[in-house]
Amino acid sequence: VQLQASGGGLVQSGGSLSLSCTYSGSIFSINAVEWYRQAPGKQREFLAGIINGGQTNYADSVKGRFTISRDNAKNSVYLQMNSLKPEDTAVYYCAVRVRLWRPPDYWGQGTQVTVSS
């Protein structure tokens, strides 16, 4: 499975961005697509996930501000980010799980999101 994340950029505090993750390859094996981020000097952090049944889950830090969605026809998952804060500045990654009880199997290359105060 190959993943391509895009949509990052520079935005002012309080603004919005929408990230896209397009996947290809053995997509039949995908059971969940997730978004993570990693800020400088910090560990990679789970943000949101969506499984094949459409159920979603979110980290408390982004619940109510970020929304994950999926377009199966486009093999894409999106992360709509609203009310952005400077502490949301990080490299954002999408990832795929083949088995839900194991860590993600495939990662995209990351897209930089910078929120200015």
PDB file of N, CA and C in Angstrom:
ATOM      1  N   VAL A   1       0.847  -1.189   0.000  1.00  0.00           N
ATOM      2  CA  VAL A   1       0.000   0.000   0.000  1.00  0.00           C
ATOM      3  C   VAL A   1       0.884   1.242   0.000  1.00  0.00           C
ATOM      4  N   GLN A   2       0.563   2.175  -0.884  1.00  0.00           N
ATOM      5  CA  GLN A   2       1.290   3.450  -0.927  1.00  0.00           C
ATOM      6  C   GLN A   2       0.335   4.561  -0.500  1.00  0.00           C
ATOM      7  N   LEU A   3       0.862   5.491   0.276  1.00  0.00           N
ATOM      8  CA  LEU A   3       0.069   6.586   0.812  1.00  0.00           C
ATOM      9  C   LEU A   3       0.700   7.918   0.414  1.00  0.00           C
ATOM     10  N   GLN A   4      -0.138   8.842   0.029  1.00  0.00           N
ATOM     11  CA  GLN A   4       0.327  10.177  -0.326  1.00  0.00           C
ATOM     12  C   GLN A   4      -0.495  11.196   0.441  1.00  0.00           C
ATOM     13  N   ALA A   5       0.149  11.887   1.366  1.00  0.00           N
ATOM     14  CA  ALA A   5      -0.522  12.933   2.137  1.00  0.00           C
ATOM     15  C   ALA A   5      -0.240  14.286   1.520  1.00  0.00           C
ATOM     16  N   SER A   6      -1.238  15.156   1.564  1.00  0.00           N
ATOM     17  CA  SER A   6      -1.074  16.490   1.015  1.00  0.00           C
ATOM     18  C   SER A   6      -2.015  17.456   1.730  1.00  0.00           C
ATOM     19  N   GLY A   7      -1.812  18.736   1.474  1.00  0.00           N
ATOM     20  CA  GLY A   7      -2.720  19.742   2.010  1.00  0.00           C
ATOM     21  C   GLY A   7      -2.161  20.588   3.134  1.00  0.00           C
ATOM     22  N   GLY A   8      -0.951  20.275   3.583  1.00  0.00           N
ATOM     23  CA  GLY A   8      -0.365  21.064   4.647  1.00  0.00           C
ATOM     24  C   GLY A   8      -0.017  22.469   4.175  1.00  0.00           C
ATOM     25  N   GLY A   9       0.336  23.313   5.127  1.00  0.00           N
ATOM     26  CA  GLY A   9       0.714  24.669   4.795  1.00  0.00           C
ATOM     27  C   GLY A   9       0.777  25.537   6.027  1.00  0.00           C
ATOM     28  N   LEU A  10       0.802  26.835   5.776  1.00  0.00           N
ATOM     29  CA  LEU A  10       0.870  27.825   6.855  1.00  0.00           C
ATOM     30  C   LEU A  10      -0.501  28.477   7.012  1.00  0.00           C
ATOM     31  N   VAL A  11      -0.969  28.540   8.253  1.00  0.00           N
ATOM     32  CA  VAL A  11      -2.279  29.120   8.522  1.00  0.00           C
ATOM     33  C   VAL A  11      -2.198  29.895   9.839  1.00  0.00           C
ATOM     34  N   GLN A  12      -3.009  30.901   9.951  1.00  0.00           N
ATOM     35  CA  GLN A  12      -3.042  31.671  11.194  1.00  0.00           C
ATOM     36  C   GLN A  12      -3.857  30.950  12.263  1.00  0.00           C
ATOM     37  N   SER A  13      -3.566  31.255  13.495  1.00  0.00           N
ATOM     38  CA  SER A  13      -4.323  30.689  14.612  1.00  0.00           C
ATOM     39  C   SER A  13      -5.814  30.970  14.430  1.00  0.00           C
ATOM     40  N   GLY A  14      -6.613  29.938  14.640  1.00  0.00           N
ATOM     41  CA  GLY A  14      -8.050  30.051  14.435  1.00  0.00           C
ATOM     42  C   GLY A  14      -8.510  29.652  13.050  1.00  0.00           C
ATOM     43  N   GLY A  15      -7.561  29.459  12.159  1.00  0.00           N
ATOM     44  CA  GLY A  15      -7.892  29.109  10.788  1.00  0.00           C
ATOM     45  C   GLY A  15      -8.139  27.628  10.594  1.00  0.00           C
ATOM     46  N   SER A  16      -8.316  27.243   9.332  1.00  0.00           N
ATOM     47  CA  SER A  16      -8.644  25.864   8.977  1.00  0.00           C
ATOM     48  C   SER A  16      -7.746  25.364   7.859  1.00  0.00           C
ATOM     49  N   LEU A  17      -7.545  24.071   7.841  1.00  0.00           N
ATOM     50  CA  LEU A  17      -6.849  23.384   6.757  1.00  0.00           C
ATOM     51  C   LEU A  17      -7.505  22.035   6.561  1.00  0.00           C
ATOM     52  N   SER A  18      -7.416  21.528   5.347  1.00  0.00           N
ATOM     53  CA  SER A  18      -7.909  20.192   5.059  1.00  0.00           C
ATOM     54  C   SER A  18      -6.788  19.370   4.470  1.00  0.00           C
ATOM     55  N   LEU A  19      -6.483  18.269   5.098  1.00  0.00           N
ATOM     56  CA  LEU A  19      -5.460  17.353   4.613  1.00  0.00           C
ATOM     57  C   LEU A  19      -6.107  16.205   3.852  1.00  0.00           C
ATOM     58  N   SER A  20      -5.382  15.715   2.863  1.00  0.00           N
ATOM     59  CA  SER A  20      -5.847  14.570   2.090  1.00  0.00           C
ATOM     60  C   SER A  20      -4.819  13.461   2.167  1.00  0.00           C
ATOM     61  N   CYS A  21      -5.306  12.243   2.161  1.00  0.00           N
ATOM     62  CA  CYS A  21      -4.447  11.059   2.106  1.00  0.00           C
ATOM     63  C   CYS A  21      -5.023  10.142   1.039  1.00  0.00           C
ATOM     64  N   THR A  22      -4.267   9.963  -0.022  1.00  0.00           N
ATOM     65  CA  THR A  22      -4.700   9.091  -1.102  1.00  0.00           C
ATOM     66  C   THR A  22      -3.880   7.815  -1.051  1.00  0.00           C
ATOM     67  N   TYR A  23      -4.557   6.670  -1.154  1.00  0.00           N
ATOM     68  CA  TYR A  23      -3.851   5.398  -1.041  1.00  0.00           C
ATOM     69  C   TYR A  23      -4.048   4.581  -2.309  1.00  0.00           C
ATOM     70  N   SER A  24      -3.078   3.722  -2.553  1.00  0.00           N
ATOM     71  CA  SER A  24      -3.109   2.874  -3.741  1.00  0.00           C
ATOM     72  C   SER A  24      -2.405   1.569  -3.416  1.00  0.00           C
ATOM     73  N   GLY A  25      -2.499   0.640  -4.339  1.00  0.00           N
ATOM     74  CA  GLY A  25      -1.885  -0.665  -4.127  1.00  0.00           C
ATOM     75  C   GLY A  25      -2.905  -1.664  -3.641  1.00  0.00           C
ATOM     76  N   SER A  26      -2.550  -2.431  -2.632  1.00  0.00           N
ATOM     77  CA  SER A  26      -3.416  -3.498  -2.116  1.00  0.00           C
ATOM     78  C   SER A  26      -4.467  -2.925  -1.164  1.00  0.00           C
ATOM     79  N   ILE A  27      -5.321  -2.093  -1.701  1.00  0.00           N
ATOM     80  CA  ILE A  27      -6.270  -1.375  -0.846  1.00  0.00           C
ATOM     81  C   ILE A  27      -7.314  -2.305  -0.243  1.00  0.00           C
ATOM     82  N   PHE A  28      -7.480  -3.486  -0.816  1.00  0.00           N
ATOM     83  CA  PHE A  28      -8.447  -4.433  -0.264  1.00  0.00           C
ATOM     84  C   PHE A  28      -8.030  -4.883   1.132  1.00  0.00           C
ATOM     85  N   SER A  29      -6.739  -4.743   1.444  1.00  0.00           N
ATOM     86  CA  SER A  29      -6.226  -5.190   2.738  1.00  0.00           C
ATOM     87  C   SER A  29      -6.401  -4.151   3.841  1.00  0.00           C
ATOM     88  N   ILE A  30      -6.839  -2.947   3.463  1.00  0.00           N
ATOM     89  CA  ILE A  30      -6.932  -1.860   4.434  1.00  0.00           C
ATOM     90  C   ILE A  30      -8.162  -2.031   5.319  1.00  0.00           C
ATOM     91  N   ASN A  31      -7.962  -1.966   6.620  1.00  0.00           N
ATOM     92  CA  ASN A  31      -9.075  -2.006   7.562  1.00  0.00           C
ATOM     93  C   ASN A  31      -9.278  -0.692   8.301  1.00  0.00           C
ATOM     94  N   ALA A  32      -8.257   0.127   8.326  1.00  0.00           N
ATOM     95  CA  ALA A  32      -8.392   1.430   8.986  1.00  0.00           C
ATOM     96  C   ALA A  32      -7.378   2.395   8.391  1.00  0.00           C
ATOM     97  N   VAL A  33      -7.775   3.649   8.308  1.00  0.00           N
ATOM     98  CA  VAL A  33      -6.864   4.724   7.914  1.00  0.00           C
ATOM     99  C   VAL A  33      -6.849   5.742   9.045  1.00  0.00           C
ATOM    100  N   GLU A  34      -5.653   6.186   9.389  1.00  0.00           N
ATOM    101  CA  GLU A  34      -5.509   7.043  10.559  1.00  0.00           C
ATOM    102  C   GLU A  34      -4.624   8.245  10.245  1.00  0.00           C
ATOM    103  N   TRP A  35      -4.801   9.271  11.030  1.00  0.00           N
ATOM    104  CA  TRP A  35      -3.934  10.448  10.967  1.00  0.00           C
ATOM    105  C   TRP A  35      -3.146  10.565  12.273  1.00  0.00           C
ATOM    106  N   TYR A  36      -1.886  10.902  12.128  1.00  0.00           N
ATOM    107  CA  TYR A  36      -0.987  11.143  13.251  1.00  0.00           C
ATOM    108  C   TYR A  36      -0.258  12.466  12.991  1.00  0.00           C
ATOM    109  N   ARG A  37       0.406  12.932  14.024  1.00  0.00           N
ATOM    110  CA  ARG A  37       1.281  14.085  13.836  1.00  0.00           C
ATOM    111  C   ARG A  37       2.487  13.956  14.768  1.00  0.00           C
ATOM    112  N   GLN A  38       3.536  14.647  14.378  1.00  0.00           N
ATOM    113  CA  GLN A  38       4.737  14.674  15.208  1.00  0.00           C
ATOM    114  C   GLN A  38       5.307  16.072  15.200  1.00  0.00           C
ATOM    115  N   ALA A  39       5.329  16.659  16.370  1.00  0.00           N
ATOM    116  CA  ALA A  39       5.920  17.985  16.539  1.00  0.00           C
ATOM    117  C   ALA A  39       7.401  17.824  16.885  1.00  0.00           C
ATOM    118  N   PRO A  40       8.205  18.838  16.635  1.00  0.00           N
ATOM    119  CA  PRO A  40       9.642  18.743  16.948  1.00  0.00           C
ATOM    120  C   PRO A  40       9.875  18.397  18.415  1.00  0.00           C
ATOM    121  N   GLY A  41      10.695  17.388  18.643  1.00  0.00           N
ATOM    122  CA  GLY A  41      11.031  16.993  20.004  1.00  0.00           C
ATOM    123  C   GLY A  41       9.967  16.194  20.708  1.00  0.00           C
ATOM    124  N   LYS A  42       8.895  15.843  20.013  1.00  0.00           N
ATOM    125  CA  LYS A  42       7.805  15.097  20.647  1.00  0.00           C
ATOM    126  C   LYS A  42       7.581  13.777  19.922  1.00  0.00           C
ATOM    127  N   GLN A  43       6.889  12.866  20.621  1.00  0.00           N
ATOM    128  CA  GLN A  43       6.561  11.594  20.015  1.00  0.00           C
ATOM    129  C   GLN A  43       5.415  11.753  19.027  1.00  0.00           C
ATOM    130  N   ARG A  44       5.350  10.809  18.121  1.00  0.00           N
ATOM    131  CA  ARG A  44       4.241  10.805  17.180  1.00  0.00           C
ATOM    132  C   ARG A  44       2.952  10.562  17.943  1.00  0.00           C
ATOM    133  N   GLU A  45       1.911  11.308  17.579  1.00  0.00           N
ATOM    134  CA  GLU A  45       0.657  11.321  18.310  1.00  0.00           C
ATOM    135  C   GLU A  45      -0.494  10.923  17.400  1.00  0.00           C
ATOM    136  N   PHE A  46      -1.325   9.982  17.852  1.00  0.00           N
ATOM    137  CA  PHE A  46      -2.540   9.603  17.128  1.00  0.00           C
ATOM    138  C   PHE A  46      -3.535  10.755  17.194  1.00  0.00           C
ATOM    139  N   LEU A  47      -4.194  11.025  16.061  1.00  0.00           N
ATOM    140  CA  LEU A  47      -5.193  12.088  16.013  1.00  0.00           C
ATOM    141  C   LEU A  47      -6.598  11.569  15.755  1.00  0.00           C
ATOM    142  N   ALA A  48      -6.734  10.776  14.706  1.00  0.00           N
ATOM    143  CA  ALA A  48      -8.063  10.341  14.292  1.00  0.00           C
ATOM    144  C   ALA A  48      -7.939   9.101  13.427  1.00  0.00           C
ATOM    145  N   GLY A  49      -8.995   8.291  13.441  1.00  0.00           N
ATOM    146  CA  GLY A  49      -9.004   7.093  12.624  1.00  0.00           C
ATOM    147  C   GLY A  49     -10.395   6.790  12.114  1.00  0.00           C
ATOM    148  N   ILE A  50     -10.449   6.091  10.985  1.00  0.00           N
ATOM    149  CA  ILE A  50     -11.730   5.662  10.428  1.00  0.00           C
ATOM    150  C   ILE A  50     -11.556   4.232   9.937  1.00  0.00           C
ATOM    151  N   ILE A  51     -12.496   3.367  10.320  1.00  0.00           N
ATOM    152  CA  ILE A  51     -12.408   1.976   9.915  1.00  0.00           C
ATOM    153  C   ILE A  51     -13.384   1.695   8.779  1.00  0.00           C
ATOM    154  N   ASN A  52     -13.311   0.485   8.240  1.00  0.00           N
ATOM    155  CA  ASN A  52     -14.101   0.166   7.056  1.00  0.00           C
ATOM    156  C   ASN A  52     -15.591   0.321   7.280  1.00  0.00           C
ATOM    157  N   GLY A  53     -16.064   0.091   8.483  1.00  0.00           N
ATOM    158  CA  GLY A  53     -17.488   0.260   8.756  1.00  0.00           C
ATOM    159  C   GLY A  53     -17.919   1.712   8.851  1.00  0.00           C
ATOM    160  N   GLY A  54     -16.968   2.608   8.790  1.00  0.00           N
ATOM    161  CA  GLY A  54     -17.263   4.032   8.859  1.00  0.00           C
ATOM    162  C   GLY A  54     -17.121   4.645  10.236  1.00  0.00           C
ATOM    163  N   GLN A  55     -16.904   3.817  11.254  1.00  0.00           N
ATOM    164  CA  GLN A  55     -16.750   4.355  12.604  1.00  0.00           C
ATOM    165  C   GLN A  55     -15.466   5.170  12.707  1.00  0.00           C
ATOM    166  N   THR A  56     -15.570   6.212  13.476  1.00  0.00           N
ATOM    167  CA  THR A  56     -14.421   7.105  13.653  1.00  0.00           C
ATOM    168  C   THR A  56     -14.062   7.218  15.135  1.00  0.00           C
ATOM    169  N   ASN A  57     -12.813   7.550  15.382  1.00  0.00           N
ATOM    170  CA  ASN A  57     -12.427   7.877  16.749  1.00  0.00           C
ATOM    171  C   ASN A  57     -11.366   8.966  16.709  1.00  0.00           C
ATOM    172  N   TYR A  58     -11.286   9.718  17.786  1.00  0.00           N
ATOM    173  CA  TYR A  58     -10.442  10.906  17.845  1.00  0.00           C
ATOM    174  C   TYR A  58      -9.678  10.972  19.157  1.00  0.00           C
ATOM    175  N   ALA A  59      -8.526  11.572  19.084  1.00  0.00           N
ATOM    176  CA  ALA A  59      -7.810  11.908  20.310  1.00  0.00           C
ATOM    177  C   ALA A  59      -8.523  13.075  20.990  1.00  0.00           C
ATOM    178  N   ASP A  60      -8.458  13.097  22.304  1.00  0.00           N
ATOM    179  CA  ASP A  60      -9.121  14.173  23.042  1.00  0.00           C
ATOM    180  C   ASP A  60      -8.607  15.552  22.628  1.00  0.00           C
ATOM    181  N   SER A  61      -7.346  15.606  22.240  1.00  0.00           N
ATOM    182  CA  SER A  61      -6.735  16.898  21.918  1.00  0.00           C
ATOM    183  C   SER A  61      -7.328  17.549  20.675  1.00  0.00           C
ATOM    184  N   VAL A  62      -7.999  16.759  19.835  1.00  0.00           N
ATOM    185  CA  VAL A  62      -8.547  17.304  18.593  1.00  0.00           C
ATOM    186  C   VAL A  62     -10.043  17.103  18.462  1.00  0.00           C
ATOM    187  N   LYS A  63     -10.644  16.389  19.403  1.00  0.00           N
ATOM    188  CA  LYS A  63     -12.074  16.104  19.320  1.00  0.00           C
ATOM    189  C   LYS A  63     -12.856  17.417  19.303  1.00  0.00           C
ATOM    190  N   GLY A  64     -13.779  17.527  18.345  1.00  0.00           N
ATOM    191  CA  GLY A  64     -14.567  18.732  18.207  1.00  0.00           C
ATOM    192  C   GLY A  64     -13.965  19.769  17.282  1.00  0.00           C
ATOM    193  N   ARG A  65     -12.674  19.618  16.976  1.00  0.00           N
ATOM    194  CA  ARG A  65     -12.016  20.558  16.061  1.00  0.00           C
ATOM    195  C   ARG A  65     -11.639  19.888  14.735  1.00  0.00           C
ATOM    196  N   PHE A  66     -11.266  18.618  14.785  1.00  0.00           N
ATOM    197  CA  PHE A  66     -10.852  17.886  13.598  1.00  0.00           C
ATOM    198  C   PHE A  66     -11.921  16.862  13.231  1.00  0.00           C
ATOM    199  N   THR A  67     -12.087  16.660  11.924  1.00  0.00           N
ATOM    200  CA  THR A  67     -13.031  15.664  11.432  1.00  0.00           C
ATOM    201  C   THR A  67     -12.369  14.813  10.369  1.00  0.00           C
ATOM    202  N   ILE A  68     -12.451  13.500  10.553  1.00  0.00           N
ATOM    203  CA  ILE A  68     -11.919  12.572   9.556  1.00  0.00           C
ATOM    204  C   ILE A  68     -13.074  12.066   8.708  1.00  0.00           C
ATOM    205  N   SER A  69     -12.823  11.940   7.408  1.00  0.00           N
ATOM    206  CA  SER A  69     -13.850  11.437   6.505  1.00  0.00           C
ATOM    207  C   SER A  69     -13.172  10.655   5.388  1.00  0.00           C
ATOM    208  N   ARG A  70     -13.994   9.981   4.609  1.00  0.00           N
ATOM    209  CA  ARG A  70     -13.447   9.077   3.599  1.00  0.00           C
ATOM    210  C   ARG A  70     -14.270   9.158   2.321  1.00  0.00           C
ATOM    211  N   ASP A  71     -13.594   9.050   1.203  1.00  0.00           N
ATOM    212  CA  ASP A  71     -14.241   8.945  -0.104  1.00  0.00           C
ATOM    213  C   ASP A  71     -13.704   7.682  -0.757  1.00  0.00           C
ATOM    214  N   ASN A  72     -14.462   6.602  -0.678  1.00  0.00           N
ATOM    215  CA  ASN A  72     -13.982   5.325  -1.214  1.00  0.00           C
ATOM    216  C   ASN A  72     -13.780   5.369  -2.719  1.00  0.00           C
ATOM    217  N   ALA A  73     -14.592   6.155  -3.410  1.00  0.00           N
ATOM    218  CA  ALA A  73     -14.468   6.239  -4.868  1.00  0.00           C
ATOM    219  C   ALA A  73     -13.130   6.851  -5.273  1.00  0.00           C
ATOM    220  N   LYS A  74     -12.573   7.689  -4.394  1.00  0.00           N
ATOM    221  CA  LYS A  74     -11.297   8.349  -4.684  1.00  0.00           C
ATOM    222  C   LYS A  74     -10.139   7.726  -3.911  1.00  0.00           C
ATOM    223  N   ASN A  75     -10.416   6.651  -3.177  1.00  0.00           N
ATOM    224  CA  ASN A  75      -9.370   6.021  -2.347  1.00  0.00           C
ATOM    225  C   ASN A  75      -8.668   7.062  -1.491  1.00  0.00           C
ATOM    226  N   SER A  76      -9.461   7.865  -0.837  1.00  0.00           N
ATOM    227  CA  SER A  76      -8.898   8.977  -0.083  1.00  0.00           C
ATOM    228  C   SER A  76      -9.569   9.125   1.273  1.00  0.00           C
ATOM    229  N   VAL A  77      -8.790   9.583   2.215  1.00  0.00           N
ATOM    230  CA  VAL A  77      -9.269   9.949   3.539  1.00  0.00           C
ATOM    231  C   VAL A  77      -8.827  11.372   3.795  1.00  0.00           C
ATOM    232  N   TYR A  78      -9.687  12.129   4.456  1.00  0.00           N
ATOM    233  CA  TYR A  78      -9.435  13.548   4.667  1.00  0.00           C
ATOM    234  C   TYR A  78      -9.421  13.864   6.163  1.00  0.00           C
ATOM    235  N   LEU A  79      -8.714  14.930   6.491  1.00  0.00           N
ATOM    236  CA  LEU A  79      -8.744  15.436   7.856  1.00  0.00           C
ATOM    237  C   LEU A  79      -9.030  16.932   7.775  1.00  0.00           C
ATOM    238  N   GLN A  80     -10.241  17.293   8.145  1.00  0.00           N
ATOM    239  CA  GLN A  80     -10.615  18.700   8.195  1.00  0.00           C
ATOM    240  C   GLN A  80     -10.239  19.236   9.567  1.00  0.00           C
ATOM    241  N   MET A  81      -9.418  20.267   9.580  1.00  0.00           N
ATOM    242  CA  MET A  81      -8.908  20.818  10.840  1.00  0.00           C
ATOM    243  C   MET A  81      -9.394  22.249  10.988  1.00  0.00           C
ATOM    244  N   ASN A  82     -10.152  22.483  12.030  1.00  0.00           N
ATOM    245  CA  ASN A  82     -10.698  23.818  12.311  1.00  0.00           C
ATOM    246  C   ASN A  82     -10.155  24.344  13.632  1.00  0.00           C
ATOM    247  N   SER A  83     -10.307  25.633  13.825  1.00  0.00           N
ATOM    248  CA  SER A  83      -9.876  26.278  15.072  1.00  0.00           C
ATOM    249  C   SER A  83      -8.437  25.901  15.413  1.00  0.00           C
ATOM    250  N   LEU A  84      -7.576  25.994  14.440  1.00  0.00           N
ATOM    251  CA  LEU A  84      -6.194  25.579  14.625  1.00  0.00           C
ATOM    252  C   LEU A  84      -5.468  26.473  15.617  1.00  0.00           C
ATOM    253  N   LYS A  85      -4.565  25.861  16.361  1.00  0.00           N
ATOM    254  CA  LYS A  85      -3.791  26.540  17.383  1.00  0.00           C
ATOM    255  C   LYS A  85      -2.307  26.387  17.070  1.00  0.00           C
ATOM    256  N   PRO A  86      -1.476  27.269  17.581  1.00  0.00           N
ATOM    257  CA  PRO A  86      -0.032  27.121  17.346  1.00  0.00           C
ATOM    258  C   PRO A  86       0.502  25.751  17.779  1.00  0.00           C
ATOM    259  N   GLU A  87      -0.073  25.180  18.811  1.00  0.00           N
ATOM    260  CA  GLU A  87       0.390  23.866  19.266  1.00  0.00           C
ATOM    261  C   GLU A  87      -0.018  22.729  18.321  1.00  0.00           C
ATOM    262  N   ASP A  88      -0.811  23.027  17.306  1.00  0.00           N
ATOM    263  CA  ASP A  88      -1.105  22.028  16.273  1.00  0.00           C
ATOM    264  C   ASP A  88       0.002  21.941  15.226  1.00  0.00           C
ATOM    265  N   THR A  89       0.978  22.819  15.320  1.00  0.00           N
ATOM    266  CA  THR A  89       2.099  22.799  14.384  1.00  0.00           C
ATOM    267  C   THR A  89       2.856  21.486  14.492  1.00  0.00           C
ATOM    268  N   ALA A  90       2.995  20.797  13.365  1.00  0.00           N
ATOM    269  CA  ALA A  90       3.634  19.474  13.350  1.00  0.00           C
ATOM    270  C   ALA A  90       3.685  18.966  11.921  1.00  0.00           C
ATOM    271  N   VAL A  91       4.365  17.865  11.748  1.00  0.00           N
ATOM    272  CA  VAL A  91       4.268  17.111  10.500  1.00  0.00           C
ATOM    273  C   VAL A  91       3.137  16.105  10.674  1.00  0.00           C
ATOM    274  N   TYR A  92       2.223  16.096   9.739  1.00  0.00           N
ATOM    275  CA  TYR A  92       1.047  15.244   9.808  1.00  0.00           C
ATOM    276  C   TYR A  92       1.219  14.065   8.852  1.00  0.00           C
ATOM    277  N   TYR A  93       0.906  12.879   9.368  1.00  0.00           N
ATOM    278  CA  TYR A  93       1.069  11.645   8.608  1.00  0.00           C
ATOM    279  C   TYR A  93      -0.248  10.887   8.547  1.00  0.00           C
ATOM    280  N   CYS A  94      -0.488  10.238   7.422  1.00  0.00           N
ATOM    281  CA  CYS A  94      -1.557   9.255   7.378  1.00  0.00           C
ATOM    282  C   CYS A  94      -0.938   7.857   7.404  1.00  0.00           C
ATOM    283  N   ALA A  95      -1.705   6.936   7.905  1.00  0.00           N
ATOM    284  CA  ALA A  95      -1.222   5.573   8.065  1.00  0.00           C
ATOM    285  C   ALA A  95      -2.374   4.601   7.880  1.00  0.00           C
ATOM    286  N   VAL A  96      -2.027   3.375   7.560  1.00  0.00           N
ATOM    287  CA  VAL A  96      -3.016   2.346   7.280  1.00  0.00           C
ATOM    288  C   VAL A  96      -2.767   1.141   8.182  1.00  0.00           C
ATOM    289  N   ARG A  97      -3.848   0.598   8.705  1.00  0.00           N
ATOM    290  CA  ARG A  97      -3.776  -0.665   9.438  1.00  0.00           C
ATOM    291  C   ARG A  97      -4.402  -1.764   8.597  1.00  0.00           C
ATOM    292  N   VAL A  98      -3.684  -2.858   8.485  1.00  0.00           N
ATOM    293  CA  VAL A  98      -4.244  -4.044   7.858  1.00  0.00           C
ATOM    294  C   VAL A  98      -5.004  -4.851   8.919  1.00  0.00           C
ATOM    295  N   ARG A  99      -4.401  -5.008  10.089  1.00  0.00           N
ATOM    296  CA  ARG A  99      -5.052  -5.682  11.213  1.00  0.00           C
ATOM    297  C   ARG A  99      -5.247  -4.650  12.324  1.00  0.00           C
ATOM    298  N   LEU A 100      -6.473  -4.528  12.793  1.00  0.00           N
ATOM    299  CA  LEU A 100      -6.807  -3.457  13.714  1.00  0.00           C
ATOM    300  C   LEU A 100      -6.091  -3.583  15.054  1.00  0.00           C
ATOM    301  N   TRP A 101      -5.672  -4.788  15.401  1.00  0.00           N
ATOM    302  CA  TRP A 101      -5.058  -4.992  16.713  1.00  0.00           C
ATOM    303  C   TRP A 101      -3.543  -4.843  16.673  1.00  0.00           C
ATOM    304  N   ARG A 102      -3.037  -4.453  15.510  1.00  0.00           N
ATOM    305  CA  ARG A 102      -1.602  -4.241  15.376  1.00  0.00           C
ATOM    306  C   ARG A 102      -1.320  -2.795  14.998  1.00  0.00           C
ATOM    307  N   PRO A 103      -0.098  -2.346  15.212  1.00  0.00           N
ATOM    308  CA  PRO A 103       0.260  -0.960  14.836  1.00  0.00           C
ATOM    309  C   PRO A 103       0.084  -0.757  13.334  1.00  0.00           C
ATOM    310  N   PRO A 104       0.035   0.489  12.897  1.00  0.00           N
ATOM    311  CA  PRO A 104      -0.089   0.749  11.459  1.00  0.00           C
ATOM    312  C   PRO A 104       1.011   0.050  10.647  1.00  0.00           C
ATOM    313  N   ASP A 105       0.621  -0.417   9.471  1.00  0.00           N
ATOM    314  CA  ASP A 105       1.535  -1.171   8.616  1.00  0.00           C
ATOM    315  C   ASP A 105       2.225  -0.286   7.578  1.00  0.00           C
ATOM    316  N   TYR A 106       1.568   0.743   7.144  1.00  0.00           N
ATOM    317  CA  TYR A 106       2.085   1.605   6.087  1.00  0.00           C
ATOM    318  C   TYR A 106       1.881   3.069   6.481  1.00  0.00           C
ATOM    319  N   TRP A 107       2.874   3.884   6.098  1.00  0.00           N
ATOM    320  CA  TRP A 107       2.849   5.311   6.428  1.00  0.00           C
ATOM    321  C   TRP A 107       3.062   6.151   5.177  1.00  0.00           C
ATOM    322  N   GLY A 108       2.400   7.299   5.145  1.00  0.00           N
ATOM    323  CA  GLY A 108       2.676   8.281   4.122  1.00  0.00           C
ATOM    324  C   GLY A 108       3.903   9.091   4.499  1.00  0.00           C
ATOM    325  N   GLN A 109       4.271  10.028   3.623  1.00  0.00           N
ATOM    326  CA  GLN A 109       5.527  10.741   3.796  1.00  0.00           C
ATOM    327  C   GLN A 109       5.421  11.954   4.726  1.00  0.00           C
ATOM    328  N   GLY A 110       4.227  12.350   5.090  1.00  0.00           N
ATOM    329  CA  GLY A 110       4.057  13.489   5.981  1.00  0.00           C
ATOM    330  C   GLY A 110       3.875  14.793   5.238  1.00  0.00           C
ATOM    331  N   THR A 111       3.097  15.677   5.845  1.00  0.00           N
ATOM    332  CA  THR A 111       2.891  17.003   5.288  1.00  0.00           C
ATOM    333  C   THR A 111       2.954  18.000   6.455  1.00  0.00           C
ATOM    334  N   GLN A 112       3.671  19.078   6.246  1.00  0.00           N
ATOM    335  CA  GLN A 112       3.913  20.046   7.314  1.00  0.00           C
ATOM    336  C   GLN A 112       2.723  20.979   7.481  1.00  0.00           C
ATOM    337  N   VAL A 113       2.288  21.132   8.720  1.00  0.00           N
ATOM    338  CA  VAL A 113       1.268  22.112   9.078  1.00  0.00           C
ATOM    339  C   VAL A 113       1.889  23.079  10.081  1.00  0.00           C
ATOM    340  N   THR A 114       1.836  24.354   9.761  1.00  0.00           N
ATOM    341  CA  THR A 114       2.376  25.375  10.648  1.00  0.00           C
ATOM    342  C   THR A 114       1.269  26.380  10.960  1.00  0.00           C
ATOM    343  N   VAL A 115       1.024  26.583  12.255  1.00  0.00           N
ATOM    344  CA  VAL A 115      -0.004  27.515  12.691  1.00  0.00           C
ATOM    345  C   VAL A 115       0.683  28.679  13.391  1.00  0.00           C
ATOM    346  N   SER A 116       0.515  29.854  12.837  1.00  0.00           N
ATOM    347  CA  SER A 116       1.151  31.040  13.414  1.00  0.00           C
ATOM    348  C   SER A 116       0.209  31.721  14.412  1.00  0.00           C
ATOM    349  N   SER A 117       0.826  32.315  15.415  1.00  0.00           N
ATOM    350  CA  SER A 117       0.007  32.962  16.458  1.00  0.00           C
ATOM    351  C   SER A 117      -0.311  34.405  16.111  1.00  0.00           C
TER     352      SER A 117
END
